[in-house]
Amino acid sequence: MKCHETLLLERITIIPGLMGGKPTIRGNRFTVIDIIELLSSGMTNDEILEEHPILESEDITAALLFSAKTIGD
């Protein structure tokens, strides 16, 4: 795995008891699936970031990377 990918995936946390143990973004109550659903609804990265200021651009990229790696396994 590339160093950049490793850094992105470090943004994804799985904490038992937080959001039912689902993968979240940086330990916040914002799940990877939340980001995927927002993207699939047609929102752009900029719209997501504007509506959810807790998120950073790299969080969206990390969620996509995590999803791709999870599905690919």
C-alpha atoms as a PDB file:
ATOM      1  CA  MET A   1       0.000   0.000   0.000  1.00  0.00           C
ATOM      2  CA  LYS A   2       1.245   3.466  -0.838  1.00  0.00           C
ATOM      3  CA  CYS A   3       2.214   5.835   1.964  1.00  0.00           C
ATOM      4  CA  HIS A   4      -0.494   8.314   0.897  1.00  0.00           C
ATOM      5  CA  GLU A   5      -3.146   5.571   1.057  1.00  0.00           C
ATOM      6  CA  THR A   6      -1.963   4.587   4.519  1.00  0.00           C
ATOM      7  CA  LEU A   7      -2.315   8.167   5.729  1.00  0.00           C
ATOM      8  CA  LEU A   8      -5.801   8.409   4.270  1.00  0.00           C
ATOM      9  CA  LEU A   9      -6.914   5.140   5.833  1.00  0.00           C
ATOM     10  CA  GLU A  10      -5.700   6.331   9.239  1.00  0.00           C
ATOM     11  CA  ARG A  11      -8.633   8.772   9.102  1.00  0.00           C
ATOM     12  CA  ILE A  12     -11.024   5.817   9.278  1.00  0.00           C
ATOM     13  CA  THR A  13     -11.630   4.586  12.810  1.00  0.00           C
ATOM     14  CA  ILE A  14     -13.605   1.672  14.156  1.00  0.00           C
ATOM     15  CA  ILE A  15     -14.432   2.179  17.801  1.00  0.00           C
ATOM     16  CA  PRO A  16     -16.620  -0.384  19.567  1.00  0.00           C
ATOM     17  CA  GLY A  17     -19.680   1.376  20.945  1.00  0.00           C
ATOM     18  CA  LEU A  18     -19.399   4.370  18.607  1.00  0.00           C
ATOM     19  CA  MET A  19     -22.037   4.290  15.878  1.00  0.00           C
ATOM     20  CA  GLY A  20     -22.537   0.575  16.413  1.00  0.00           C
ATOM     21  CA  GLY A  21     -18.907  -0.167  15.595  1.00  0.00           C
ATOM     22  CA  LYS A  22     -19.272   1.104  12.024  1.00  0.00           C
ATOM     23  CA  PRO A  23     -16.240   2.735  10.386  1.00  0.00           C
ATOM     24  CA  THR A  24     -16.263   6.432  11.211  1.00  0.00           C
ATOM     25  CA  ILE A  25     -14.293   9.479  10.180  1.00  0.00           C
ATOM     26  CA  ARG A  26     -11.577  10.435  12.675  1.00  0.00           C
ATOM     27  CA  GLY A  27     -13.529   9.067  15.637  1.00  0.00           C
ATOM     28  CA  ASN A  28     -16.474  11.394  15.007  1.00  0.00           C
ATOM     29  CA  ARG A  29     -20.100  10.377  14.730  1.00  0.00           C
ATOM     30  CA  PHE A  30     -19.892  10.543  10.940  1.00  0.00           C
ATOM     31  CA  THR A  31     -19.697   7.154   9.244  1.00  0.00           C
ATOM     32  CA  VAL A  32     -18.065   6.123   5.993  1.00  0.00           C
ATOM     33  CA  ILE A  33     -21.473   5.037   4.720  1.00  0.00           C
ATOM     34  CA  ASP A  34     -22.833   8.539   5.432  1.00  0.00           C
ATOM     35  CA  ILE A  35     -20.293   9.965   2.999  1.00  0.00           C
ATOM     36  CA  ILE A  36     -20.968   7.295   0.376  1.00  0.00           C
ATOM     37  CA  GLU A  37     -24.712   7.963   0.625  1.00  0.00           C
ATOM     38  CA  LEU A  38     -24.213  11.714   0.251  1.00  0.00           C
ATOM     39  CA  LEU A  39     -22.075  11.173  -2.841  1.00  0.00           C
ATOM     40  CA  SER A  40     -24.555   8.698  -4.303  1.00  0.00           C
ATOM     41  CA  SER A  41     -27.355  11.230  -3.798  1.00  0.00           C
ATOM     42  CA  GLY A  42     -25.532  13.503  -6.226  1.00  0.00           C
ATOM     43  CA  MET A  43     -23.843  15.889  -3.801  1.00  0.00           C
ATOM     44  CA  THR A  44     -20.425  17.138  -4.813  1.00  0.00           C
ATOM     45  CA  ASN A  45     -17.435  17.110  -2.494  1.00  0.00           C
ATOM     46  CA  ASP A  46     -17.739  20.874  -2.089  1.00  0.00           C
ATOM     47  CA  GLU A  47     -21.427  20.624  -1.193  1.00  0.00           C
ATOM     48  CA  ILE A  48     -20.702  17.932   1.390  1.00  0.00           C
ATOM     49  CA  LEU A  49     -17.907  19.978   2.942  1.00  0.00           C
ATOM     50  CA  GLU A  50     -20.076  23.086   3.047  1.00  0.00           C
ATOM     51  CA  GLU A  51     -22.997  21.248   4.665  1.00  0.00           C
ATOM     52  CA  HIS A  52     -20.810  19.288   7.105  1.00  0.00           C
ATOM     53  CA  PRO A  53     -17.954  21.526   8.300  1.00  0.00           C
ATOM     54  CA  ILE A  54     -16.615  18.787  10.580  1.00  0.00           C
ATOM     55  CA  LEU A  55     -15.416  16.987   7.439  1.00  0.00           C
ATOM     56  CA  GLU A  56     -12.255  17.658   5.467  1.00  0.00           C
ATOM     57  CA  SER A  57     -11.638  16.927   1.809  1.00  0.00           C
ATOM     58  CA  GLU A  58      -9.303  14.077   2.718  1.00  0.00           C
ATOM     59  CA  ASP A  59     -12.105  12.470   4.738  1.00  0.00           C
ATOM     60  CA  ILE A  60     -14.177  12.024   1.590  1.00  0.00           C
ATOM     61  CA  THR A  61     -11.221  10.546  -0.266  1.00  0.00           C
ATOM     62  CA  ALA A  62     -10.508   8.263   2.686  1.00  0.00           C
ATOM     63  CA  ALA A  63     -14.119   7.051   2.762  1.00  0.00           C
ATOM     64  CA  LEU A  64     -13.986   6.197  -0.927  1.00  0.00           C
ATOM     65  CA  LEU A  65     -10.644   4.439  -0.574  1.00  0.00           C
ATOM     66  CA  PHE A  66     -11.834   2.474   2.466  1.00  0.00           C
ATOM     67  CA  SER A  67     -14.989   1.427   0.623  1.00  0.00           C
ATOM     68  CA  ALA A  68     -13.050   0.338  -2.444  1.00  0.00           C
ATOM     69  CA  LYS A  69     -10.608  -1.683  -0.379  1.00  0.00           C
ATOM     70  CA  THR A  70     -13.401  -3.247   1.675  1.00  0.00           C
ATOM     71  CA  ILE A  71     -15.437  -4.260  -1.365  1.00  0.00           C
ATOM     72  CA  GLY A  72     -12.318  -5.488  -3.148  1.00  0.00           C
ATOM     73  CA  ASP A  73     -11.436  -7.903  -0.344  1.00  0.00           C
END
